[in-house]
Amino acid sequence: MDSLIHSLRDVTIRSISVSEMNNNVYLSTSKSTGAQLLIDAADDLPAIQQLLKDAAADATVETKLARIATTHQHWDHVRALAELVDVTGASTSAGADDADALPVPVDVRLGHGDVERFDGFELTAVHLRGHTPGSIAFVYQDPDGPAHIFSGDSLFPGGVGNTQNDPSRFTSLLNDVQERLFDAYPDETLVHPGHGLPTTLGAERPHLEEWRARGW
């Protein structure tokens, strides 16, 4: 199956699902610079290497993995991270409050609202507290279309991420998701979660109070 899910003005977005946990690995390639950003090196290095190879067709120049961004510290999102850093030499980024738990040194530690700019990319980090202390959603704003949110395990179709039945963590996560995503971006914004199918903020917005009432 073709991994290409979006071809935007400046970048492409590809996605594959790996491991028994069905983790989504996302790869964005700059059409003009060839630089590549990978979000969540979850597992299966050979599959990720094939993804990188397939994306070589997305740019007008030679492609190279420049950055590996990690949405959060959980083991199922980082099983190929150390190997991928070793074979590519790519730099790494993650939320500051999760960085020390990752299996590699983190080059760029992100807080809420930080903007990463490199090689034709501009990504905004949105800190979403609750699933883990340092969970980050990465937001790419397409100049000619809606924003794309790579939400990790903080927002899915049908609800927010697992907070282990902790009411305070659930409230923190839902508050952050509502204030920092739903209140900040319009309905057409695309959401690319850490597992499962994509959605839009518009599809999920009517259910926010339902989620709050049910407590998960």
N, C-alpha and C. Protein backbone atom coordinates (compact mmCIF):
# COMPACT_ATOMS: atom_id res chain seq x y z
N MET A 1 0.84 -1.20 0.00
CA MET A 1 0.00 0.00 0.00
C MET A 1 0.88 1.25 0.00
N ASP A 2 0.50 2.24 -0.78
CA ASP A 2 1.27 3.48 -0.87
C ASP A 2 1.25 4.19 0.47
N SER A 3 2.43 4.58 0.94
CA SER A 3 2.53 5.26 2.24
C SER A 3 2.21 6.74 2.15
N LEU A 4 2.13 7.30 0.93
CA LEU A 4 1.89 8.73 0.77
C LEU A 4 0.44 9.07 1.12
N ILE A 5 0.26 9.94 2.11
CA ILE A 5 -1.11 10.32 2.50
C ILE A 5 -1.44 11.77 2.16
N HIS A 6 -0.42 12.64 2.07
CA HIS A 6 -0.67 14.03 1.68
C HIS A 6 0.53 14.56 0.89
N SER A 7 0.24 15.24 -0.22
CA SER A 7 1.25 15.98 -0.95
C SER A 7 0.83 17.45 -0.91
N LEU A 8 1.49 18.21 -0.05
CA LEU A 8 1.14 19.61 0.18
C LEU A 8 2.03 20.50 -0.68
N ARG A 9 1.87 21.80 -0.53
CA ARG A 9 2.64 22.71 -1.38
C ARG A 9 4.15 22.51 -1.21
N ASP A 10 4.59 22.45 0.04
CA ASP A 10 6.02 22.43 0.33
C ASP A 10 6.55 21.08 0.78
N VAL A 11 5.70 20.24 1.32
CA VAL A 11 6.14 18.96 1.90
C VAL A 11 5.17 17.84 1.52
N THR A 12 5.66 16.63 1.65
CA THR A 12 4.79 15.46 1.60
C THR A 12 4.69 14.86 3.00
N ILE A 13 3.64 14.10 3.23
CA ILE A 13 3.48 13.36 4.48
C ILE A 13 3.20 11.91 4.13
N ARG A 14 4.01 11.03 4.68
CA ARG A 14 3.82 9.59 4.53
C ARG A 14 3.59 8.96 5.89
N SER A 15 2.95 7.80 5.89
CA SER A 15 2.66 7.12 7.15
C SER A 15 2.69 5.61 6.95
N ILE A 16 3.25 4.91 7.94
CA ILE A 16 3.16 3.46 8.00
C ILE A 16 2.77 3.06 9.41
N SER A 17 2.21 1.87 9.53
CA SER A 17 1.86 1.31 10.84
C SER A 17 2.82 0.16 11.13
N VAL A 18 3.38 0.14 12.34
CA VAL A 18 4.37 -0.88 12.69
C VAL A 18 4.02 -1.52 14.03
N SER A 19 4.53 -2.72 14.23
CA SER A 19 4.51 -3.46 15.50
C SER A 19 3.13 -3.99 15.84
N GLU A 20 3.12 -4.84 16.87
CA GLU A 20 1.87 -5.41 17.35
C GLU A 20 0.97 -4.37 17.99
N MET A 21 1.51 -3.18 18.26
CA MET A 21 0.73 -2.09 18.83
C MET A 21 0.12 -1.18 17.76
N ASN A 22 0.40 -1.49 16.50
CA ASN A 22 -0.11 -0.67 15.39
C ASN A 22 0.21 0.81 15.56
N ASN A 23 1.48 1.06 15.83
CA ASN A 23 1.94 2.45 15.96
C ASN A 23 2.08 3.10 14.59
N ASN A 24 1.67 4.35 14.51
CA ASN A 24 1.87 5.12 13.29
C ASN A 24 3.23 5.82 13.33
N VAL A 25 3.98 5.66 12.24
CA VAL A 25 5.23 6.38 12.02
C VAL A 25 4.97 7.36 10.88
N TYR A 26 5.27 8.63 11.11
CA TYR A 26 5.02 9.66 10.10
C TYR A 26 6.34 10.21 9.57
N LEU A 27 6.40 10.43 8.27
CA LEU A 27 7.58 11.01 7.64
C LEU A 27 7.14 12.16 6.75
N SER A 28 7.75 13.32 6.96
CA SER A 28 7.49 14.48 6.12
C SER A 28 8.78 14.85 5.39
N THR A 29 8.67 15.12 4.11
CA THR A 29 9.82 15.43 3.27
C THR A 29 9.62 16.80 2.63
N SER A 30 10.63 17.66 2.74
CA SER A 30 10.60 18.95 2.07
C SER A 30 10.87 18.75 0.59
N LYS A 31 9.96 19.22 -0.24
CA LYS A 31 10.11 19.04 -1.67
C LYS A 31 11.30 19.80 -2.23
N SER A 32 11.65 20.93 -1.61
CA SER A 32 12.71 21.78 -2.16
C SER A 32 14.09 21.47 -1.58
N THR A 33 14.16 21.13 -0.28
CA THR A 33 15.47 20.91 0.34
C THR A 33 15.83 19.43 0.47
N GLY A 34 14.84 18.54 0.39
CA GLY A 34 15.09 17.12 0.58
C GLY A 34 15.20 16.70 2.03
N ALA A 35 15.14 17.66 2.94
CA ALA A 35 15.22 17.32 4.37
C ALA A 35 13.98 16.55 4.79
N GLN A 36 14.17 15.62 5.71
CA GLN A 36 13.07 14.79 6.17
C GLN A 36 12.94 14.85 7.68
N LEU A 37 11.71 14.87 8.13
CA LEU A 37 11.35 14.84 9.55
C LEU A 37 10.55 13.57 9.79
N LEU A 38 10.99 12.75 10.73
CA LEU A 38 10.26 11.55 11.10
C LEU A 38 9.69 11.72 12.51
N ILE A 39 8.42 11.40 12.67
CA ILE A 39 7.76 11.51 13.96
C ILE A 39 7.47 10.12 14.49
N ASP A 40 8.08 9.80 15.62
CA ASP A 40 7.93 8.55 16.36
C ASP A 40 8.54 7.35 15.63
N ALA A 41 9.81 7.10 15.93
CA ALA A 41 10.51 5.91 15.42
C ALA A 41 10.10 4.73 16.29
N ALA A 42 8.89 4.26 16.07
CA ALA A 42 8.23 3.36 17.02
C ALA A 42 8.83 1.96 17.04
N ASP A 43 9.12 1.39 15.87
CA ASP A 43 9.58 0.01 15.80
C ASP A 43 9.89 -0.30 14.34
N ASP A 44 10.55 -1.46 14.12
CA ASP A 44 10.73 -2.02 12.78
C ASP A 44 11.63 -1.13 11.91
N LEU A 45 12.92 -1.13 12.24
CA LEU A 45 13.87 -0.31 11.49
C LEU A 45 13.82 -0.59 9.99
N PRO A 46 13.77 -1.85 9.53
CA PRO A 46 13.71 -2.07 8.08
C PRO A 46 12.51 -1.39 7.41
N ALA A 47 11.36 -1.42 8.07
CA ALA A 47 10.18 -0.77 7.50
C ALA A 47 10.37 0.74 7.43
N ILE A 48 11.00 1.31 8.45
CA ILE A 48 11.27 2.75 8.44
C ILE A 48 12.27 3.10 7.35
N GLN A 49 13.29 2.27 7.18
CA GLN A 49 14.26 2.53 6.12
C GLN A 49 13.61 2.45 4.74
N GLN A 50 12.66 1.55 4.57
CA GLN A 50 11.94 1.48 3.30
C GLN A 50 11.08 2.72 3.10
N LEU A 51 10.49 3.21 4.19
CA LEU A 51 9.71 4.44 4.13
C LEU A 51 10.59 5.60 3.67
N LEU A 52 11.78 5.71 4.23
CA LEU A 52 12.71 6.76 3.83
C LEU A 52 13.07 6.62 2.35
N LYS A 53 13.29 5.39 1.92
CA LYS A 53 13.63 5.14 0.52
C LYS A 53 12.48 5.53 -0.40
N ASP A 54 11.27 5.16 -0.03
CA ASP A 54 10.11 5.50 -0.86
C ASP A 54 9.94 7.01 -0.99
N ALA A 55 10.25 7.73 0.08
CA ALA A 55 10.05 9.18 0.09
C ALA A 55 11.12 9.92 -0.70
N ALA A 56 12.14 9.22 -1.16
CA ALA A 56 13.15 9.88 -1.99
C ALA A 56 12.53 10.46 -3.26
N ALA A 57 11.41 9.90 -3.68
CA ALA A 57 10.73 10.39 -4.88
C ALA A 57 9.96 11.68 -4.64
N ASP A 58 9.87 12.11 -3.39
CA ASP A 58 9.02 13.25 -3.05
C ASP A 58 9.72 14.60 -3.19
N ALA A 59 11.03 14.60 -3.41
CA ALA A 59 11.79 15.85 -3.47
C ALA A 59 12.50 15.97 -4.82
N THR A 60 12.85 17.19 -5.15
CA THR A 60 13.57 17.44 -6.40
C THR A 60 15.07 17.33 -6.23
N VAL A 61 15.52 17.12 -4.98
CA VAL A 61 16.94 16.95 -4.67
C VAL A 61 17.08 15.71 -3.79
N GLU A 62 18.31 15.35 -3.49
CA GLU A 62 18.55 14.16 -2.66
C GLU A 62 17.95 14.35 -1.27
N THR A 63 17.32 13.31 -0.75
CA THR A 63 16.69 13.39 0.56
C THR A 63 17.62 12.90 1.66
N LYS A 64 17.40 13.44 2.87
CA LYS A 64 18.20 13.03 4.02
C LYS A 64 17.38 13.26 5.28
N LEU A 65 17.35 12.25 6.15
CA LEU A 65 16.63 12.40 7.42
C LEU A 65 17.38 13.38 8.31
N ALA A 66 16.74 14.51 8.61
CA ALA A 66 17.37 15.56 9.39
C ALA A 66 16.98 15.52 10.86
N ARG A 67 15.74 15.13 11.16
CA ARG A 67 15.25 15.22 12.53
C ARG A 67 14.31 14.06 12.83
N ILE A 68 14.45 13.49 14.01
CA ILE A 68 13.51 12.50 14.53
C ILE A 68 12.84 13.13 15.74
N ALA A 69 11.55 13.37 15.64
CA ALA A 69 10.78 13.96 16.73
C ALA A 69 9.98 12.86 17.42
N THR A 70 9.94 12.92 18.75
CA THR A 70 9.23 11.91 19.53
C THR A 70 8.10 12.59 20.29
N THR A 71 6.88 12.06 20.14
CA THR A 71 5.73 12.69 20.79
C THR A 71 5.70 12.47 22.29
N HIS A 72 6.20 11.32 22.75
CA HIS A 72 6.23 11.05 24.18
C HIS A 72 7.09 9.83 24.47
N GLN A 73 7.33 9.60 25.75
CA GLN A 73 8.35 8.66 26.18
C GLN A 73 7.95 7.19 26.14
N HIS A 74 6.72 6.83 25.93
CA HIS A 74 6.30 5.44 26.08
C HIS A 74 7.06 4.50 25.14
N TRP A 75 7.34 3.31 25.68
CA TRP A 75 8.22 2.34 25.02
C TRP A 75 7.80 2.00 23.60
N ASP A 76 6.50 1.95 23.35
CA ASP A 76 6.05 1.52 22.02
C ASP A 76 6.27 2.59 20.96
N HIS A 77 6.66 3.79 21.35
CA HIS A 77 6.91 4.86 20.39
C HIS A 77 8.39 5.09 20.12
N VAL A 78 9.27 4.32 20.77
CA VAL A 78 10.71 4.62 20.67
C VAL A 78 11.57 3.39 20.41
N ARG A 79 10.99 2.25 20.06
CA ARG A 79 11.77 1.02 19.97
C ARG A 79 12.79 1.03 18.84
N ALA A 80 12.60 1.83 17.80
CA ALA A 80 13.58 1.92 16.72
C ALA A 80 14.40 3.20 16.79
N LEU A 81 14.20 3.99 17.83
CA LEU A 81 14.81 5.32 17.88
C LEU A 81 16.33 5.25 17.91
N ALA A 82 16.89 4.46 18.82
CA ALA A 82 18.35 4.41 18.94
C ALA A 82 18.99 3.89 17.66
N GLU A 83 18.42 2.84 17.09
CA GLU A 83 18.96 2.28 15.84
C GLU A 83 18.89 3.30 14.71
N LEU A 84 17.80 4.01 14.62
CA LEU A 84 17.64 4.97 13.53
C LEU A 84 18.61 6.13 13.67
N VAL A 85 18.81 6.60 14.88
CA VAL A 85 19.81 7.64 15.11
C VAL A 85 21.19 7.14 14.70
N ASP A 86 21.50 5.89 15.07
CA ASP A 86 22.82 5.33 14.75
C ASP A 86 23.07 5.27 13.25
N VAL A 87 22.07 4.88 12.48
CA VAL A 87 22.30 4.66 11.05
C VAL A 87 22.14 5.92 10.22
N THR A 88 21.46 6.93 10.76
CA THR A 88 21.22 8.15 9.97
C THR A 88 21.97 9.37 10.48
N GLY A 89 22.31 9.40 11.77
CA GLY A 89 22.92 10.59 12.35
C GLY A 89 21.96 11.74 12.52
N ALA A 90 20.67 11.49 12.41
CA ALA A 90 19.67 12.56 12.54
C ALA A 90 19.65 13.13 13.95
N SER A 91 19.33 14.41 14.07
CA SER A 91 19.15 15.02 15.37
C SER A 91 17.78 14.63 15.93
N THR A 92 17.58 14.88 17.22
CA THR A 92 16.37 14.43 17.90
C THR A 92 15.70 15.58 18.64
N SER A 93 14.39 15.47 18.78
CA SER A 93 13.64 16.43 19.60
C SER A 93 12.53 15.71 20.33
N ALA A 94 12.15 16.26 21.49
CA ALA A 94 11.08 15.70 22.31
C ALA A 94 10.71 16.73 23.36
N GLY A 95 9.59 16.49 24.02
CA GLY A 95 9.19 17.35 25.11
C GLY A 95 10.20 17.32 26.24
N ALA A 96 10.47 18.48 26.82
CA ALA A 96 11.50 18.59 27.85
C ALA A 96 11.22 17.66 29.03
N ASP A 97 9.96 17.50 29.40
CA ASP A 97 9.63 16.70 30.57
C ASP A 97 9.63 15.20 30.31
N ASP A 98 9.78 14.79 29.07
CA ASP A 98 9.91 13.36 28.73
C ASP A 98 11.31 13.01 28.25
N ALA A 99 12.14 14.00 27.99
CA ALA A 99 13.39 13.77 27.28
C ALA A 99 14.32 12.80 27.99
N ASP A 100 14.43 12.90 29.30
CA ASP A 100 15.37 12.05 30.03
C ASP A 100 14.97 10.58 30.01
N ALA A 101 13.73 10.28 29.68
CA ALA A 101 13.26 8.89 29.65
C ALA A 101 13.48 8.23 28.29
N LEU A 102 13.96 8.96 27.30
CA LEU A 102 14.17 8.39 25.97
C LEU A 102 15.49 7.64 25.91
N PRO A 103 15.60 6.67 24.99
CA PRO A 103 16.81 5.84 24.93
C PRO A 103 17.99 6.49 24.23
N VAL A 104 17.85 7.73 23.81
CA VAL A 104 18.95 8.47 23.17
C VAL A 104 19.00 9.87 23.77
N PRO A 105 20.15 10.54 23.69
CA PRO A 105 20.18 11.95 24.08
C PRO A 105 19.27 12.77 23.17
N VAL A 106 18.60 13.74 23.75
CA VAL A 106 17.67 14.59 22.99
C VAL A 106 18.36 15.92 22.70
N ASP A 107 18.50 16.25 21.43
CA ASP A 107 19.20 17.46 21.03
C ASP A 107 18.38 18.72 21.27
N VAL A 108 17.07 18.63 21.05
CA VAL A 108 16.20 19.80 21.20
C VAL A 108 15.08 19.43 22.16
N ARG A 109 15.08 20.08 23.34
CA ARG A 109 14.06 19.84 24.36
C ARG A 109 13.00 20.92 24.23
N LEU A 110 11.78 20.50 24.03
CA LEU A 110 10.71 21.42 23.65
C LEU A 110 9.76 21.72 24.79
N GLY A 111 9.35 22.98 24.87
CA GLY A 111 8.28 23.40 25.75
C GLY A 111 7.11 23.90 24.93
N HIS A 112 6.03 24.23 25.62
CA HIS A 112 4.81 24.65 24.92
C HIS A 112 5.05 25.92 24.11
N GLY A 113 4.67 25.86 22.85
CA GLY A 113 4.79 27.02 21.97
C GLY A 113 6.12 27.16 21.27
N ASP A 114 7.08 26.31 21.61
CA ASP A 114 8.36 26.38 20.91
C ASP A 114 8.16 26.06 19.43
N VAL A 115 8.93 26.73 18.59
CA VAL A 115 8.85 26.51 17.15
C VAL A 115 10.18 25.96 16.66
N GLU A 116 10.11 24.81 16.02
CA GLU A 116 11.30 24.21 15.41
C GLU A 116 11.38 24.66 13.96
N ARG A 117 12.52 25.23 13.59
CA ARG A 117 12.74 25.64 12.20
C ARG A 117 14.04 25.02 11.71
N PHE A 118 13.96 24.25 10.64
CA PHE A 118 15.16 23.67 10.06
C PHE A 118 14.86 23.20 8.64
N ASP A 119 15.76 23.47 7.72
CA ASP A 119 15.75 22.88 6.38
C ASP A 119 14.39 22.89 5.70
N GLY A 120 13.68 23.99 5.79
CA GLY A 120 12.40 24.08 5.11
C GLY A 120 11.20 23.68 5.93
N PHE A 121 11.43 23.31 7.19
CA PHE A 121 10.33 22.94 8.09
C PHE A 121 10.10 24.00 9.15
N GLU A 122 8.86 24.17 9.53
CA GLU A 122 8.51 24.97 10.70
C GLU A 122 7.39 24.23 11.43
N LEU A 123 7.69 23.78 12.63
CA LEU A 123 6.75 23.00 13.43
C LEU A 123 6.56 23.67 14.78
N THR A 124 5.33 23.73 15.23
CA THR A 124 5.02 24.27 16.55
C THR A 124 4.79 23.13 17.52
N ALA A 125 5.43 23.21 18.68
CA ALA A 125 5.27 22.20 19.73
C ALA A 125 4.12 22.62 20.66
N VAL A 126 3.19 21.71 20.88
CA VAL A 126 2.07 21.95 21.79
C VAL A 126 2.18 20.94 22.93
N HIS A 127 2.43 21.44 24.13
CA HIS A 127 2.59 20.59 25.30
C HIS A 127 1.20 20.18 25.80
N LEU A 128 0.97 18.88 25.87
CA LEU A 128 -0.32 18.34 26.31
C LEU A 128 -0.07 17.44 27.52
N ARG A 129 -0.34 17.94 28.69
CA ARG A 129 0.04 17.27 29.94
C ARG A 129 -1.03 16.28 30.38
N GLY A 130 -0.63 15.02 30.62
CA GLY A 130 -1.60 14.06 31.12
C GLY A 130 -1.31 12.63 30.74
N HIS A 131 -1.16 12.35 29.45
CA HIS A 131 -0.81 10.98 29.04
C HIS A 131 0.58 10.64 29.56
N THR A 132 1.51 11.57 29.36
CA THR A 132 2.81 11.57 30.04
C THR A 132 3.09 13.02 30.43
N PRO A 133 4.08 13.25 31.29
CA PRO A 133 4.36 14.64 31.70
C PRO A 133 4.79 15.54 30.55
N GLY A 134 5.49 14.96 29.57
CA GLY A 134 6.05 15.80 28.51
C GLY A 134 5.52 15.52 27.13
N SER A 135 4.31 15.00 27.02
CA SER A 135 3.74 14.72 25.69
C SER A 135 3.65 15.99 24.86
N ILE A 136 4.03 15.86 23.59
CA ILE A 136 4.03 16.99 22.65
C ILE A 136 3.23 16.61 21.41
N ALA A 137 2.37 17.50 20.97
CA ALA A 137 1.79 17.42 19.63
C ALA A 137 2.59 18.36 18.74
N PHE A 138 2.92 17.89 17.55
CA PHE A 138 3.65 18.70 16.59
C PHE A 138 2.68 19.20 15.53
N VAL A 139 2.69 20.51 15.29
CA VAL A 139 1.74 21.12 14.36
C VAL A 139 2.48 21.70 13.16
N TYR A 140 2.10 21.24 11.98
CA TYR A 140 2.61 21.81 10.74
C TYR A 140 1.49 22.58 10.06
N GLN A 141 1.73 23.85 9.78
CA GLN A 141 0.74 24.69 9.11
C GLN A 141 1.03 24.73 7.62
N ASP A 142 0.19 24.09 6.84
CA ASP A 142 0.32 24.13 5.39
C ASP A 142 -0.01 25.55 4.92
N PRO A 143 0.88 26.20 4.16
CA PRO A 143 0.59 27.56 3.69
C PRO A 143 -0.66 27.66 2.83
N ASP A 144 -1.04 26.57 2.18
CA ASP A 144 -2.18 26.60 1.27
C ASP A 144 -3.37 25.78 1.76
N GLY A 145 -3.36 25.39 3.02
CA GLY A 145 -4.45 24.54 3.50
C GLY A 145 -4.46 24.44 5.01
N PRO A 146 -5.19 23.47 5.53
CA PRO A 146 -5.33 23.35 6.98
C PRO A 146 -4.04 22.90 7.65
N ALA A 147 -4.00 23.11 8.94
CA ALA A 147 -2.88 22.62 9.75
C ALA A 147 -2.98 21.10 9.90
N HIS A 148 -1.83 20.50 10.16
CA HIS A 148 -1.73 19.07 10.44
C HIS A 148 -1.16 18.90 11.84
N ILE A 149 -1.91 18.22 12.70
CA ILE A 149 -1.48 17.98 14.08
C ILE A 149 -1.08 16.52 14.22
N PHE A 150 0.17 16.29 14.63
CA PHE A 150 0.64 14.95 14.94
C PHE A 150 0.53 14.80 16.45
N SER A 151 -0.53 14.12 16.88
CA SER A 151 -0.98 14.22 18.28
C SER A 151 -0.43 13.16 19.21
N GLY A 152 0.37 12.22 18.69
CA GLY A 152 0.86 11.16 19.56
C GLY A 152 -0.30 10.40 20.18
N ASP A 153 -0.20 10.14 21.48
CA ASP A 153 -1.27 9.42 22.18
C ASP A 153 -2.12 10.37 23.03
N SER A 154 -2.13 11.65 22.68
CA SER A 154 -2.91 12.61 23.46
C SER A 154 -4.31 12.84 22.91
N LEU A 155 -4.50 12.65 21.60
CA LEU A 155 -5.81 12.85 21.00
C LEU A 155 -6.02 11.84 19.89
N PHE A 156 -7.16 11.16 19.95
CA PHE A 156 -7.55 10.15 18.98
C PHE A 156 -8.97 10.44 18.48
N PRO A 157 -9.39 9.79 17.40
CA PRO A 157 -10.82 9.79 17.10
C PRO A 157 -11.59 9.18 18.28
N GLY A 158 -12.48 9.94 18.86
CA GLY A 158 -13.28 9.40 19.95
C GLY A 158 -12.81 9.70 21.35
N GLY A 159 -11.70 10.43 21.51
CA GLY A 159 -11.30 10.76 22.87
C GLY A 159 -9.84 11.10 23.01
N VAL A 160 -9.47 11.41 24.26
CA VAL A 160 -8.08 11.71 24.58
C VAL A 160 -7.36 10.42 24.98
N GLY A 161 -6.06 10.53 25.23
CA GLY A 161 -5.26 9.37 25.55
C GLY A 161 -5.49 8.83 26.94
N ASN A 162 -4.90 7.67 27.19
CA ASN A 162 -5.04 6.96 28.46
C ASN A 162 -4.36 7.73 29.58
N THR A 163 -5.08 7.95 30.66
CA THR A 163 -4.50 8.61 31.84
C THR A 163 -4.60 7.72 33.07
N GLN A 164 -4.68 6.40 32.86
CA GLN A 164 -4.65 5.41 33.94
C GLN A 164 -5.68 5.67 35.04
N ASN A 165 -6.87 6.08 34.62
CA ASN A 165 -7.97 6.30 35.57
C ASN A 165 -7.64 7.31 36.66
N ASP A 166 -6.74 8.23 36.35
CA ASP A 166 -6.36 9.28 37.29
C ASP A 166 -7.16 10.54 36.93
N PRO A 167 -8.12 10.95 37.75
CA PRO A 167 -8.97 12.09 37.40
C PRO A 167 -8.19 13.37 37.16
N SER A 168 -7.13 13.60 37.93
CA SER A 168 -6.39 14.84 37.76
C SER A 168 -5.62 14.84 36.44
N ARG A 169 -5.06 13.70 36.08
CA ARG A 169 -4.36 13.61 34.80
C ARG A 169 -5.34 13.73 33.63
N PHE A 170 -6.50 13.12 33.76
CA PHE A 170 -7.50 13.23 32.70
C PHE A 170 -7.94 14.68 32.51
N THR A 171 -8.22 15.35 33.61
CA THR A 171 -8.66 16.75 33.52
C THR A 171 -7.57 17.61 32.91
N SER A 172 -6.32 17.38 33.31
CA SER A 172 -5.20 18.13 32.75
C SER A 172 -5.11 17.92 31.25
N LEU A 173 -5.19 16.66 30.82
CA LEU A 173 -5.06 16.37 29.39
C LEU A 173 -6.22 16.96 28.60
N LEU A 174 -7.44 16.76 29.07
CA LEU A 174 -8.58 17.28 28.32
C LEU A 174 -8.57 18.80 28.28
N ASN A 175 -8.19 19.43 29.39
CA ASN A 175 -8.09 20.90 29.39
C ASN A 175 -7.07 21.38 28.37
N ASP A 176 -5.89 20.74 28.35
CA ASP A 176 -4.87 21.15 27.40
C ASP A 176 -5.32 20.91 25.97
N VAL A 177 -5.91 19.75 25.71
CA VAL A 177 -6.38 19.45 24.35
C VAL A 177 -7.44 20.46 23.92
N GLN A 178 -8.34 20.81 24.82
CA GLN A 178 -9.39 21.76 24.47
C GLN A 178 -8.82 23.16 24.24
N GLU A 179 -7.98 23.63 25.17
CA GLU A 179 -7.49 25.00 25.10
C GLU A 179 -6.40 25.18 24.05
N ARG A 180 -5.53 24.18 23.90
CA ARG A 180 -4.35 24.35 23.07
C ARG A 180 -4.51 23.81 21.66
N LEU A 181 -5.52 22.97 21.46
CA LEU A 181 -5.81 22.47 20.11
C LEU A 181 -7.17 22.96 19.61
N PHE A 182 -8.25 22.56 20.28
CA PHE A 182 -9.59 22.90 19.77
C PHE A 182 -9.86 24.40 19.79
N ASP A 183 -9.37 25.10 20.80
CA ASP A 183 -9.59 26.55 20.85
C ASP A 183 -8.62 27.32 19.96
N ALA A 184 -7.57 26.66 19.51
CA ALA A 184 -6.52 27.35 18.76
C ALA A 184 -6.58 27.11 17.26
N TYR A 185 -7.24 26.03 16.84
CA TYR A 185 -7.23 25.65 15.42
C TYR A 185 -8.65 25.39 14.95
N PRO A 186 -8.92 25.63 13.66
CA PRO A 186 -10.29 25.49 13.14
C PRO A 186 -10.66 24.03 12.85
N ASP A 187 -11.93 23.86 12.51
CA ASP A 187 -12.48 22.51 12.33
C ASP A 187 -11.77 21.68 11.27
N GLU A 188 -11.28 22.33 10.22
CA GLU A 188 -10.69 21.55 9.12
C GLU A 188 -9.30 21.01 9.44
N THR A 189 -8.76 21.37 10.59
CA THR A 189 -7.43 20.90 10.99
C THR A 189 -7.40 19.38 11.06
N LEU A 190 -6.39 18.80 10.43
CA LEU A 190 -6.25 17.34 10.40
C LEU A 190 -5.47 16.86 11.61
N VAL A 191 -5.88 15.74 12.16
CA VAL A 191 -5.23 15.14 13.33
C VAL A 191 -4.69 13.77 12.94
N HIS A 192 -3.38 13.59 13.13
CA HIS A 192 -2.71 12.33 12.83
C HIS A 192 -2.27 11.71 14.16
N PRO A 193 -2.99 10.71 14.66
CA PRO A 193 -2.69 10.17 15.99
C PRO A 193 -1.58 9.12 15.97
N GLY A 194 -1.15 8.74 17.17
CA GLY A 194 -0.08 7.75 17.31
C GLY A 194 -0.50 6.34 16.97
N HIS A 195 -1.78 6.07 16.98
CA HIS A 195 -2.33 4.77 16.59
C HIS A 195 -3.64 5.03 15.86
N GLY A 196 -3.97 4.18 14.91
CA GLY A 196 -5.28 4.25 14.30
C GLY A 196 -5.41 5.29 13.20
N LEU A 197 -6.65 5.61 12.89
CA LEU A 197 -6.97 6.43 11.73
C LEU A 197 -6.92 7.92 12.05
N PRO A 198 -6.72 8.76 11.02
CA PRO A 198 -6.75 10.20 11.22
C PRO A 198 -8.17 10.69 11.44
N THR A 199 -8.26 11.96 11.89
CA THR A 199 -9.55 12.60 12.07
C THR A 199 -9.36 14.09 11.85
N THR A 200 -10.38 14.87 12.13
CA THR A 200 -10.28 16.33 12.11
C THR A 200 -10.78 16.88 13.43
N LEU A 201 -10.37 18.09 13.74
CA LEU A 201 -10.89 18.71 14.96
C LEU A 201 -12.40 18.90 14.85
N GLY A 202 -12.89 19.18 13.65
CA GLY A 202 -14.32 19.37 13.49
C GLY A 202 -15.13 18.12 13.78
N ALA A 203 -14.57 16.96 13.44
CA ALA A 203 -15.28 15.71 13.71
C ALA A 203 -15.36 15.41 15.20
N GLU A 204 -14.36 15.85 15.95
CA GLU A 204 -14.28 15.53 17.38
C GLU A 204 -14.86 16.62 18.27
N ARG A 205 -14.91 17.85 17.79
CA ARG A 205 -15.31 18.98 18.63
C ARG A 205 -16.67 18.80 19.31
N PRO A 206 -17.69 18.27 18.63
CA PRO A 206 -19.00 18.14 19.29
C PRO A 206 -19.00 17.19 20.49
N HIS A 207 -17.94 16.41 20.66
CA HIS A 207 -17.93 15.38 21.70
C HIS A 207 -17.12 15.77 22.94
N LEU A 208 -16.57 16.97 22.96
CA LEU A 208 -15.70 17.36 24.07
C LEU A 208 -16.39 17.26 25.42
N GLU A 209 -17.58 17.77 25.52
CA GLU A 209 -18.28 17.72 26.81
C GLU A 209 -18.70 16.30 27.17
N GLU A 210 -18.99 15.50 26.17
CA GLU A 210 -19.27 14.07 26.40
C GLU A 210 -18.05 13.39 27.01
N TRP A 211 -16.86 13.67 26.46
CA TRP A 211 -15.64 13.09 27.01
C TRP A 211 -15.43 13.53 28.45
N ARG A 212 -15.66 14.82 28.70
CA ARG A 212 -15.45 15.33 30.06
C ARG A 212 -16.43 14.65 31.03
N ALA A 213 -17.66 14.46 30.61
CA ALA A 213 -18.67 13.86 31.49
C ALA A 213 -18.36 12.40 31.80
N ARG A 214 -17.84 11.68 30.82
CA ARG A 214 -17.58 10.25 31.05
C ARG A 214 -16.28 10.02 31.81
N GLY A 215 -15.36 11.00 31.75
CA GLY A 215 -14.13 10.91 32.53
C GLY A 215 -13.01 10.11 31.90
N TRP A 216 -13.12 9.89 30.58
CA TRP A 216 -12.01 9.22 29.88
C TRP A 216 -12.07 9.53 28.38
